[in-house]
Amino acid sequence: MTPGQPHSALHRWIVDGIEEDIARIVEDGARTFHVPCSLLPDGVREGQVLTVVRTGDEGAGVRLEITIDAAATEAARSAAQADATRTIALIGRRDEGGDVIL
């Protein structure tokens, strides 16, 4: 990057959990870190997908624009529900009875 030239990056954050007003974030499916909820959009909840645009230029600081991506959140929820349904159906076909299902 050339000094003074604006730089932009797009990231996808998933709110993996919230405890004591601290959100556990999974960034781009690769790394996990913690962020105070006060730095996130109002009303953010576990399971939501956030779109993060990072802009700035070298030496001048950066700006993060964090928005809740409702469409991506719904798509992720639907995919998780479909996976759970498939898993339950698969377990049901293999279950030979008994008190414990593994």
PDB file of N, CA and C in Angstrom:
ATOM      1  N   MET A   1       0.845  -1.181   0.000  1.00  0.00           N
ATOM      2  CA  MET A   1       0.000   0.000   0.000  1.00  0.00           C
ATOM      3  C   MET A   1       0.885   1.236   0.000  1.00  0.00           C
ATOM      4  N   THR A   2       0.546   2.215  -0.788  1.00  0.00           N
ATOM      5  CA  THR A   2       1.271   3.461  -0.879  1.00  0.00           C
ATOM      6  C   THR A   2       0.897   4.338   0.311  1.00  0.00           C
ATOM      7  N   PRO A   3       1.899   4.958   0.984  1.00  0.00           N
ATOM      8  CA  PRO A   3       1.574   5.830   2.123  1.00  0.00           C
ATOM      9  C   PRO A   3       0.567   6.915   1.725  1.00  0.00           C
ATOM     10  N   GLY A   4      -0.396   7.153   2.583  1.00  0.00           N
ATOM     11  CA  GLY A   4      -1.414   8.159   2.350  1.00  0.00           C
ATOM     12  C   GLY A   4      -2.567   7.702   1.480  1.00  0.00           C
ATOM     13  N   GLN A   5      -2.439   6.538   0.877  1.00  0.00           N
ATOM     14  CA  GLN A   5      -3.511   6.013   0.013  1.00  0.00           C
ATOM     15  C   GLN A   5      -4.554   5.312   0.868  1.00  0.00           C
ATOM     16  N   PRO A   6      -5.838   5.657   0.684  1.00  0.00           N
ATOM     17  CA  PRO A   6      -6.883   4.986   1.471  1.00  0.00           C
ATOM     18  C   PRO A   6      -6.901   3.482   1.209  1.00  0.00           C
ATOM     19  N   HIS A   7      -7.189   2.739   2.230  1.00  0.00           N
ATOM     20  CA  HIS A   7      -7.249   1.283   2.139  1.00  0.00           C
ATOM     21  C   HIS A   7      -8.570   0.829   2.737  1.00  0.00           C
ATOM     22  N   SER A   8      -9.199  -0.159   2.107  1.00  0.00           N
ATOM     23  CA  SER A   8     -10.473  -0.664   2.596  1.00  0.00           C
ATOM     24  C   SER A   8     -10.439  -2.186   2.640  1.00  0.00           C
ATOM     25  N   ALA A   9     -11.055  -2.763   3.661  1.00  0.00           N
ATOM     26  CA  ALA A   9     -11.155  -4.216   3.785  1.00  0.00           C
ATOM     27  C   ALA A   9     -12.554  -4.564   4.287  1.00  0.00           C
ATOM     28  N   LEU A  10     -13.078  -5.698   3.797  1.00  0.00           N
ATOM     29  CA  LEU A  10     -14.404  -6.158   4.192  1.00  0.00           C
ATOM     30  C   LEU A  10     -14.260  -7.453   4.973  1.00  0.00           C
ATOM     31  N   HIS A  11     -14.932  -7.535   6.128  1.00  0.00           N
ATOM     32  CA  HIS A  11     -14.882  -8.730   6.959  1.00  0.00           C
ATOM     33  C   HIS A  11     -16.291  -9.156   7.350  1.00  0.00           C
ATOM     34  N   ARG A  12     -16.411 -10.441   7.670  1.00  0.00           N
ATOM     35  CA  ARG A  12     -17.673 -10.993   8.174  1.00  0.00           C
ATOM     36  C   ARG A  12     -17.411 -11.467   9.593  1.00  0.00           C
ATOM     37  N   TRP A  13     -18.147 -10.897  10.526  1.00  0.00           N
ATOM     38  CA  TRP A  13     -18.044 -11.303  11.925  1.00  0.00           C
ATOM     39  C   TRP A  13     -19.321 -12.047  12.292  1.00  0.00           C
ATOM     40  N   ILE A  14     -19.169 -13.140  13.025  1.00  0.00           N
ATOM     41  CA  ILE A  14     -20.314 -13.853  13.581  1.00  0.00           C
ATOM     42  C   ILE A  14     -20.232 -13.736  15.095  1.00  0.00           C
ATOM     43  N   VAL A  15     -21.323 -13.304  15.714  1.00  0.00           N
ATOM     44  CA  VAL A  15     -21.372 -13.180  17.171  1.00  0.00           C
ATOM     45  C   VAL A  15     -21.607 -14.588  17.719  1.00  0.00           C
ATOM     46  N   ASP A  16     -20.531 -15.187  18.220  1.00  0.00           N
ATOM     47  CA  ASP A  16     -20.572 -16.569  18.693  1.00  0.00           C
ATOM     48  C   ASP A  16     -21.175 -16.677  20.091  1.00  0.00           C
ATOM     49  N   GLY A  17     -21.027 -15.650  20.874  1.00  0.00           N
ATOM     50  CA  GLY A  17     -21.587 -15.661  22.224  1.00  0.00           C
ATOM     51  C   GLY A  17     -21.424 -14.298  22.866  1.00  0.00           C
ATOM     52  N   ILE A  18     -22.228 -14.044  23.902  1.00  0.00           N
ATOM     53  CA  ILE A  18     -22.131 -12.796  24.660  1.00  0.00           C
ATOM     54  C   ILE A  18     -22.193 -13.148  26.132  1.00  0.00           C
ATOM     55  N   GLU A  19     -21.182 -12.711  26.862  1.00  0.00           N
ATOM     56  CA  GLU A  19     -21.143 -12.911  28.312  1.00  0.00           C
ATOM     57  C   GLU A  19     -20.656 -11.634  28.971  1.00  0.00           C
ATOM     58  N   GLU A  20     -21.385 -11.187  29.967  1.00  0.00           N
ATOM     59  CA  GLU A  20     -21.027  -9.997  30.740  1.00  0.00           C
ATOM     60  C   GLU A  20     -20.703  -8.818  29.835  1.00  0.00           C
ATOM     61  N   ASP A  21     -21.525  -8.600  28.820  1.00  0.00           N
ATOM     62  CA  ASP A  21     -21.415  -7.476  27.901  1.00  0.00           C
ATOM     63  C   ASP A  21     -20.140  -7.503  27.040  1.00  0.00           C
ATOM     64  N   ILE A  22     -19.584  -8.709  26.860  1.00  0.00           N
ATOM     65  CA  ILE A  22     -18.435  -8.918  25.976  1.00  0.00           C
ATOM     66  C   ILE A  22     -18.850  -9.947  24.923  1.00  0.00           C
ATOM     67  N   ALA A  23     -18.676  -9.603  23.652  1.00  0.00           N
ATOM     68  CA  ALA A  23     -19.057 -10.493  22.558  1.00  0.00           C
ATOM     69  C   ALA A  23     -17.839 -11.291  22.090  1.00  0.00           C
ATOM     70  N   ARG A  24     -18.047 -12.583  21.911  1.00  0.00           N
ATOM     71  CA  ARG A  24     -17.028 -13.460  21.315  1.00  0.00           C
ATOM     72  C   ARG A  24     -17.316 -13.482  19.820  1.00  0.00           C
ATOM     73  N   ILE A  25     -16.366 -13.028  19.026  1.00  0.00           N
ATOM     74  CA  ILE A  25     -16.535 -12.845  17.589  1.00  0.00           C
ATOM     75  C   ILE A  25     -15.681 -13.852  16.823  1.00  0.00           C
ATOM     76  N   VAL A  26     -16.270 -14.456  15.783  1.00  0.00           N
ATOM     77  CA  VAL A  26     -15.505 -15.285  14.847  1.00  0.00           C
ATOM     78  C   VAL A  26     -15.400 -14.471  13.561  1.00  0.00           C
ATOM     79  N   GLU A  27     -14.173 -14.115  13.197  1.00  0.00           N
ATOM     80  CA  GLU A  27     -13.940 -13.274  12.024  1.00  0.00           C
ATOM     81  C   GLU A  27     -13.599 -14.116  10.807  1.00  0.00           C
ATOM     82  N   ASP A  28     -14.391 -13.980   9.769  1.00  0.00           N
ATOM     83  CA  ASP A  28     -14.151 -14.656   8.489  1.00  0.00           C
ATOM     84  C   ASP A  28     -13.954 -16.161   8.644  1.00  0.00           C
ATOM     85  N   GLY A  29     -14.562 -16.738   9.687  1.00  0.00           N
ATOM     86  CA  GLY A  29     -14.470 -18.177   9.916  1.00  0.00           C
ATOM     87  C   GLY A  29     -13.093 -18.642  10.328  1.00  0.00           C
ATOM     88  N   ALA A  30     -12.199 -17.722  10.658  1.00  0.00           N
ATOM     89  CA  ALA A  30     -10.810 -18.103  10.900  1.00  0.00           C
ATOM     90  C   ALA A  30     -10.314 -17.846  12.329  1.00  0.00           C
ATOM     91  N   ARG A  31     -10.577 -16.700  12.857  1.00  0.00           N
ATOM     92  CA  ARG A  31     -10.034 -16.387  14.182  1.00  0.00           C
ATOM     93  C   ARG A  31     -11.123 -15.884  15.104  1.00  0.00           C
ATOM     94  N   THR A  32     -10.886 -16.046  16.394  1.00  0.00           N
ATOM     95  CA  THR A  32     -11.853 -15.640  17.411  1.00  0.00           C
ATOM     96  C   THR A  32     -11.215 -14.581  18.310  1.00  0.00           C
ATOM     97  N   PHE A  33     -12.007 -13.575  18.649  1.00  0.00           N
ATOM     98  CA  PHE A  33     -11.542 -12.541  19.575  1.00  0.00           C
ATOM     99  C   PHE A  33     -12.755 -11.975  20.316  1.00  0.00           C
ATOM    100  N   HIS A  34     -12.502 -11.115  21.291  1.00  0.00           N
ATOM    101  CA  HIS A  34     -13.563 -10.546  22.123  1.00  0.00           C
ATOM    102  C   HIS A  34     -13.646  -9.032  21.916  1.00  0.00           C
ATOM    103  N   VAL A  35     -14.882  -8.525  21.912  1.00  0.00           N
ATOM    104  CA  VAL A  35     -15.149  -7.106  21.705  1.00  0.00           C
ATOM    105  C   VAL A  35     -16.223  -6.670  22.703  1.00  0.00           C
ATOM    106  N   PRO A  36     -16.039  -5.523  23.347  1.00  0.00           N
ATOM    107  CA  PRO A  36     -17.125  -5.025  24.207  1.00  0.00           C
ATOM    108  C   PRO A  36     -18.379  -4.759  23.369  1.00  0.00           C
ATOM    109  N   CYS A  37     -19.529  -5.139  23.878  1.00  0.00           N
ATOM    110  CA  CYS A  37     -20.790  -4.935  23.154  1.00  0.00           C
ATOM    111  C   CYS A  37     -21.047  -3.454  22.889  1.00  0.00           C
ATOM    112  N   SER A  38     -20.469  -2.580  23.699  1.00  0.00           N
ATOM    113  CA  SER A  38     -20.669  -1.140  23.495  1.00  0.00           C
ATOM    114  C   SER A  38     -20.083  -0.660  22.170  1.00  0.00           C
ATOM    115  N   LEU A  39     -19.184  -1.443  21.561  1.00  0.00           N
ATOM    116  CA  LEU A  39     -18.598  -1.074  20.271  1.00  0.00           C
ATOM    117  C   LEU A  39     -19.361  -1.662  19.086  1.00  0.00           C
ATOM    118  N   LEU A  40     -20.392  -2.452  19.377  1.00  0.00           N
ATOM    119  CA  LEU A  40     -21.182  -3.115  18.344  1.00  0.00           C
ATOM    120  C   LEU A  40     -22.531  -2.418  18.190  1.00  0.00           C
ATOM    121  N   PRO A  41     -23.268  -2.696  17.100  1.00  0.00           N
ATOM    122  CA  PRO A  41     -24.592  -2.079  16.938  1.00  0.00           C
ATOM    123  C   PRO A  41     -25.511  -2.386  18.127  1.00  0.00           C
ATOM    124  N   ASP A  42     -26.368  -1.443  18.459  1.00  0.00           N
ATOM    125  CA  ASP A  42     -27.325  -1.638  19.549  1.00  0.00           C
ATOM    126  C   ASP A  42     -28.162  -2.885  19.303  1.00  0.00           C
ATOM    127  N   GLY A  43     -28.386  -3.649  20.364  1.00  0.00           N
ATOM    128  CA  GLY A  43     -29.253  -4.814  20.290  1.00  0.00           C
ATOM    129  C   GLY A  43     -28.628  -6.044  19.666  1.00  0.00           C
ATOM    130  N   VAL A  44     -27.320  -6.031  19.444  1.00  0.00           N
ATOM    131  CA  VAL A  44     -26.667  -7.196  18.836  1.00  0.00           C
ATOM    132  C   VAL A  44     -26.904  -8.433  19.696  1.00  0.00           C
ATOM    133  N   ARG A  45     -27.122  -9.594  19.015  1.00  0.00           N
ATOM    134  CA  ARG A  45     -27.420 -10.838  19.735  1.00  0.00           C
ATOM    135  C   ARG A  45     -26.536 -11.963  19.213  1.00  0.00           C
ATOM    136  N   GLU A  46     -26.440 -13.017  20.029  1.00  0.00           N
ATOM    137  CA  GLU A  46     -25.702 -14.214  19.629  1.00  0.00           C
ATOM    138  C   GLU A  46     -26.270 -14.753  18.324  1.00  0.00           C
ATOM    139  N   GLY A  47     -25.399 -15.204  17.452  1.00  0.00           N
ATOM    140  CA  GLY A  47     -25.803 -15.801  16.193  1.00  0.00           C
ATOM    141  C   GLY A  47     -25.930 -14.811  15.055  1.00  0.00           C
ATOM    142  N   GLN A  48     -25.889 -13.526  15.341  1.00  0.00           N
ATOM    143  CA  GLN A  48     -26.023 -12.555  14.262  1.00  0.00           C
ATOM    144  C   GLN A  48     -24.728 -12.445  13.461  1.00  0.00           C
ATOM    145  N   VAL A  49     -24.907 -12.141  12.180  1.00  0.00           N
ATOM    146  CA  VAL A  49     -23.773 -11.910  11.282  1.00  0.00           C
ATOM    147  C   VAL A  49     -23.616 -10.403  11.135  1.00  0.00           C
ATOM    148  N   LEU A  50     -22.382  -9.947  11.275  1.00  0.00           N
ATOM    149  CA  LEU A  50     -22.075  -8.527  11.138  1.00  0.00           C
ATOM    150  C   LEU A  50     -21.169  -8.316   9.930  1.00  0.00           C
ATOM    151  N   THR A  51     -21.446  -7.274   9.173  1.00  0.00           N
ATOM    152  CA  THR A  51     -20.560  -6.874   8.087  1.00  0.00           C
ATOM    153  C   THR A  51     -19.692  -5.748   8.617  1.00  0.00           C
ATOM    154  N   VAL A  52     -18.382  -5.887   8.429  1.00  0.00           N
ATOM    155  CA  VAL A  52     -17.432  -4.908   8.954  1.00  0.00           C
ATOM    156  C   VAL A  52     -16.609  -4.362   7.789  1.00  0.00           C
ATOM    157  N   VAL A  53     -16.666  -3.062   7.610  1.00  0.00           N
ATOM    158  CA  VAL A  53     -15.849  -2.395   6.603  1.00  0.00           C
ATOM    159  C   VAL A  53     -14.802  -1.581   7.350  1.00  0.00           C
ATOM    160  N   ARG A  54     -13.544  -1.906   7.068  1.00  0.00           N
ATOM    161  CA  ARG A  54     -12.411  -1.209   7.701  1.00  0.00           C
ATOM    162  C   ARG A  54     -11.805  -0.284   6.660  1.00  0.00           C
ATOM    163  N   THR A  55     -11.776   0.998   6.968  1.00  0.00           N
ATOM    164  CA  THR A  55     -11.165   1.964   6.058  1.00  0.00           C
ATOM    165  C   THR A  55     -10.147   2.801   6.807  1.00  0.00           C
ATOM    166  N   GLY A  56      -9.215   3.335   6.070  1.00  0.00           N
ATOM    167  CA  GLY A  56      -8.207   4.195   6.661  1.00  0.00           C
ATOM    168  C   GLY A  56      -6.971   4.191   5.809  1.00  0.00           C
ATOM    169  N   ASP A  57      -6.046   5.032   6.174  1.00  0.00           N
ATOM    170  CA  ASP A  57      -4.775   5.020   5.483  1.00  0.00           C
ATOM    171  C   ASP A  57      -3.658   4.943   6.505  1.00  0.00           C
ATOM    172  N   GLU A  58      -2.547   4.472   6.029  1.00  0.00           N
ATOM    173  CA  GLU A  58      -1.400   4.207   6.891  1.00  0.00           C
ATOM    174  C   GLU A  58      -1.036   5.440   7.704  1.00  0.00           C
ATOM    175  N   GLY A  59      -0.941   5.269   9.011  1.00  0.00           N
ATOM    176  CA  GLY A  59      -0.519   6.349   9.888  1.00  0.00           C
ATOM    177  C   GLY A  59      -1.616   7.316  10.296  1.00  0.00           C
ATOM    178  N   ALA A  60      -2.777   7.271   9.639  1.00  0.00           N
ATOM    179  CA  ALA A  60      -3.834   8.241   9.943  1.00  0.00           C
ATOM    180  C   ALA A  60      -4.962   7.629  10.756  1.00  0.00           C
ATOM    181  N   GLY A  61      -4.825   6.375  11.152  1.00  0.00           N
ATOM    182  CA  GLY A  61      -5.884   5.712  11.903  1.00  0.00           C
ATOM    183  C   GLY A  61      -6.820   4.951  10.990  1.00  0.00           C
ATOM    184  N   VAL A  62      -7.755   4.254  11.602  1.00  0.00           N
ATOM    185  CA  VAL A  62      -8.714   3.454  10.844  1.00  0.00           C
ATOM    186  C   VAL A  62     -10.123   3.741  11.339  1.00  0.00           C
ATOM    187  N   ARG A  63     -11.080   3.387  10.492  1.00  0.00           N
ATOM    188  CA  ARG A  63     -12.491   3.517  10.847  1.00  0.00           C
ATOM    189  C   ARG A  63     -13.153   2.176  10.572  1.00  0.00           C
ATOM    190  N   LEU A  64     -13.941   1.692  11.526  1.00  0.00           N
ATOM    191  CA  LEU A  64     -14.718   0.474  11.343  1.00  0.00           C
ATOM    192  C   LEU A  64     -16.186   0.847  11.247  1.00  0.00           C
ATOM    193  N   GLU A  65     -16.840   0.342  10.200  1.00  0.00           N
ATOM    194  CA  GLU A  65     -18.290   0.481  10.089  1.00  0.00           C
ATOM    195  C   GLU A  65     -18.864  -0.916  10.271  1.00  0.00           C
ATOM    196  N   ILE A  66     -19.610  -1.119  11.355  1.00  0.00           N
ATOM    197  CA  ILE A  66     -20.127  -2.436  11.717  1.00  0.00           C
ATOM    198  C   ILE A  66     -21.647  -2.395  11.632  1.00  0.00           C
ATOM    199  N   THR A  67     -22.207  -3.256  10.778  1.00  0.00           N
ATOM    200  CA  THR A  67     -23.661  -3.307  10.620  1.00  0.00           C
ATOM    201  C   THR A  67     -24.135  -4.747  10.752  1.00  0.00           C
ATOM    202  N   ILE A  68     -25.356  -4.913  11.253  1.00  0.00           N
ATOM    203  CA  ILE A  68     -25.970  -6.235  11.341  1.00  0.00           C
ATOM    204  C   ILE A  68     -26.469  -6.602   9.945  1.00  0.00           C
ATOM    205  N   ASP A  69     -26.071  -7.766   9.463  1.00  0.00           N
ATOM    206  CA  ASP A  69     -26.490  -8.256   8.145  1.00  0.00           C
ATOM    207  C   ASP A  69     -27.641  -9.242   8.355  1.00  0.00           C
ATOM    208  N   ALA A  70     -28.869  -8.719   8.278  1.00  0.00           N
ATOM    209  CA  ALA A  70     -30.059  -9.536   8.565  1.00  0.00           C
ATOM    210  C   ALA A  70     -30.201 -10.701   7.585  1.00  0.00           C
ATOM    211  N   ALA A  71     -29.922 -10.468   6.308  1.00  0.00           N
ATOM    212  CA  ALA A  71     -30.059 -11.537   5.307  1.00  0.00           C
ATOM    213  C   ALA A  71     -29.047 -12.656   5.555  1.00  0.00           C
ATOM    214  N   ALA A  72     -27.806 -12.295   5.858  1.00  0.00           N
ATOM    215  CA  ALA A  72     -26.778 -13.307   6.135  1.00  0.00           C
ATOM    216  C   ALA A  72     -27.080 -14.044   7.439  1.00  0.00           C
ATOM    217  N   THR A  73     -27.622 -13.336   8.423  1.00  0.00           N
ATOM    218  CA  THR A  73     -28.000 -13.972   9.685  1.00  0.00           C
ATOM    219  C   THR A  73     -29.093 -15.010   9.449  1.00  0.00           C
ATOM    220  N   GLU A  74     -30.105 -14.657   8.672  1.00  0.00           N
ATOM    221  CA  GLU A  74     -31.197 -15.593   8.383  1.00  0.00           C
ATOM    222  C   GLU A  74     -30.687 -16.787   7.581  1.00  0.00           C
ATOM    223  N   ALA A  75     -29.815 -16.545   6.617  1.00  0.00           N
ATOM    224  CA  ALA A  75     -29.248 -17.647   5.829  1.00  0.00           C
ATOM    225  C   ALA A  75     -28.447 -18.595   6.714  1.00  0.00           C
ATOM    226  N   ALA A  76     -27.670 -18.053   7.649  1.00  0.00           N
ATOM    227  CA  ALA A  76     -26.884 -18.891   8.565  1.00  0.00           C
ATOM    228  C   ALA A  76     -27.802 -19.695   9.485  1.00  0.00           C
ATOM    229  N   ARG A  77     -28.859 -19.075   9.975  1.00  0.00           N
ATOM    230  CA  ARG A  77     -29.816 -19.785  10.834  1.00  0.00           C
ATOM    231  C   ARG A  77     -30.513 -20.906  10.072  1.00  0.00           C
ATOM    232  N   SER A  78     -30.914 -20.636   8.851  1.00  0.00           N
ATOM    233  CA  SER A  78     -31.577 -21.659   8.024  1.00  0.00           C
ATOM    234  C   SER A  78     -30.640 -22.823   7.743  1.00  0.00           C
ATOM    235  N   ALA A  79     -29.382 -22.524   7.434  1.00  0.00           N
ATOM    236  CA  ALA A  79     -28.396 -23.578   7.164  1.00  0.00           C
ATOM    237  C   ALA A  79     -28.153 -24.419   8.418  1.00  0.00           C
ATOM    238  N   ALA A  80     -28.059 -23.775   9.572  1.00  0.00           N
ATOM    239  CA  ALA A  80     -27.841 -24.506  10.824  1.00  0.00           C
ATOM    240  C   ALA A  80     -29.048 -25.392  11.143  1.00  0.00           C
ATOM    241  N   GLN A  81     -30.254 -24.878  10.912  1.00  0.00           N
ATOM    242  CA  GLN A  81     -31.466 -25.663  11.162  1.00  0.00           C
ATOM    243  C   GLN A  81     -31.529 -26.864  10.234  1.00  0.00           C
ATOM    244  N   ALA A  82     -31.163 -26.680   8.964  1.00  0.00           N
ATOM    245  CA  ALA A  82     -31.156 -27.791   8.006  1.00  0.00           C
ATOM    246  C   ALA A  82     -30.132 -28.850   8.416  1.00  0.00           C
ATOM    247  N   ASP A  83     -28.957 -28.416   8.878  1.00  0.00           N
ATOM    248  CA  ASP A  83     -27.938 -29.360   9.345  1.00  0.00           C
ATOM    249  C   ASP A  83     -28.444 -30.152  10.547  1.00  0.00           C
ATOM    250  N   ALA A  84     -29.091 -29.450  11.478  1.00  0.00           N
ATOM    251  CA  ALA A  84     -29.620 -30.122  12.669  1.00  0.00           C
ATOM    252  C   ALA A  84     -30.704 -31.130  12.292  1.00  0.00           C
ATOM    253  N   THR A  85     -31.567 -30.775  11.375  1.00  0.00           N
ATOM    254  CA  THR A  85     -32.630 -31.675  10.931  1.00  0.00           C
ATOM    255  C   THR A  85     -32.046 -32.926  10.284  1.00  0.00           C
ATOM    256  N   ARG A  86     -31.026 -32.737   9.427  1.00  0.00           N
ATOM    257  CA  ARG A  86     -30.368 -33.892   8.788  1.00  0.00           C
ATOM    258  C   ARG A  86     -29.703 -34.787   9.831  1.00  0.00           C
ATOM    259  N   THR A  87     -29.051 -34.188  10.808  1.00  0.00           N
ATOM    260  CA  THR A  87     -28.372 -34.964  11.852  1.00  0.00           C
ATOM    261  C   THR A  87     -29.376 -35.760  12.675  1.00  0.00           C
ATOM    262  N   ILE A  88     -30.466 -35.134  13.051  1.00  0.00           N
ATOM    263  CA  ILE A  88     -31.497 -35.823  13.833  1.00  0.00           C
ATOM    264  C   ILE A  88     -32.082 -36.989  13.045  1.00  0.00           C
ATOM    265  N   ALA A  89     -32.322 -36.774  11.762  1.00  0.00           N
ATOM    266  CA  ALA A  89     -32.860 -37.848  10.922  1.00  0.00           C
ATOM    267  C   ALA A  89     -31.860 -38.996  10.810  1.00  0.00           C
ATOM    268  N   LEU A  90     -30.588 -38.681  10.675  1.00  0.00           N
ATOM    269  CA  LEU A  90     -29.553 -39.700  10.569  1.00  0.00           C
ATOM    270  C   LEU A  90     -29.427 -40.496  11.866  1.00  0.00           C
ATOM    271  N   ILE A  91     -29.454 -39.818  12.991  1.00  0.00           N
ATOM    272  CA  ILE A  91     -29.372 -40.491  14.289  1.00  0.00           C
ATOM    273  C   ILE A  91     -30.587 -41.388  14.487  1.00  0.00           C
ATOM    274  N   GLY A  92     -31.751 -40.894  14.112  1.00  0.00           N
ATOM    275  CA  GLY A  92     -32.983 -41.663  14.260  1.00  0.00           C
ATOM    276  C   GLY A  92     -32.946 -42.964  13.482  1.00  0.00           C
ATOM    277  N   ARG A  93     -32.335 -42.974  12.321  1.00  0.00           N
ATOM    278  CA  ARG A  93     -32.248 -44.191  11.513  1.00  0.00           C
ATOM    279  C   ARG A  93     -31.284 -45.209  12.120  1.00  0.00           C
ATOM    280  N   ARG A  94     -30.302 -44.748  12.872  1.00  0.00           N
ATOM    281  CA  ARG A  94     -29.315 -45.657  13.452  1.00  0.00           C
ATOM    282  C   ARG A  94     -29.656 -46.085  14.878  1.00  0.00           C
ATOM    283  N   ASP A  95     -30.621 -45.418  15.489  1.00  0.00           N
ATOM    284  CA  ASP A  95     -30.940 -45.685  16.890  1.00  0.00           C
ATOM    285  C   ASP A  95     -31.586 -47.064  17.041  1.00  0.00           C
ATOM    286  N   GLU A  96     -30.947 -47.888  17.836  1.00  0.00           N
ATOM    287  CA  GLU A  96     -31.454 -49.246  18.086  1.00  0.00           C
ATOM    288  C   GLU A  96     -32.203 -49.327  19.403  1.00  0.00           C
ATOM    289  N   GLY A  97     -32.505 -48.206  19.973  1.00  0.00           N
ATOM    290  CA  GLY A  97     -33.223 -48.205  21.247  1.00  0.00           C
ATOM    291  C   GLY A  97     -32.289 -47.924  22.393  1.00  0.00           C
ATOM    292  N   GLY A  98     -32.827 -47.966  23.584  1.00  0.00           N
ATOM    293  CA  GLY A  98     -32.007 -47.679  24.771  1.00  0.00           C
ATOM    294  C   GLY A  98     -32.243 -46.276  25.255  1.00  0.00           C
ATOM    295  N   ASP A  99     -31.595 -45.961  26.359  1.00  0.00           N
ATOM    296  CA  ASP A  99     -31.806 -44.669  27.014  1.00  0.00           C
ATOM    297  C   ASP A  99     -30.876 -43.582  26.531  1.00  0.00           C
ATOM    298  N   VAL A 100     -29.756 -43.934  25.892  1.00  0.00           N
ATOM    299  CA  VAL A 100     -28.753 -42.943  25.523  1.00  0.00           C
ATOM    300  C   VAL A 100     -28.585 -42.932  23.999  1.00  0.00           C
ATOM    301  N   ILE A 101     -28.573 -41.724  23.426  1.00  0.00           N
ATOM    302  CA  ILE A 101     -28.315 -41.565  22.014  1.00  0.00           C
ATOM    303  C   ILE A 101     -26.960 -40.893  21.871  1.00  0.00           C
ATOM    304  N   LEU A 102     -26.078 -41.485  21.115  1.00  0.00           N
ATOM    305  CA  LEU A 102     -24.764 -40.893  20.882  1.00  0.00           C
ATOM    306  C   LEU A 102     -24.623 -40.435  19.462  1.00  0.00           C
TER     307      LEU A 102
END
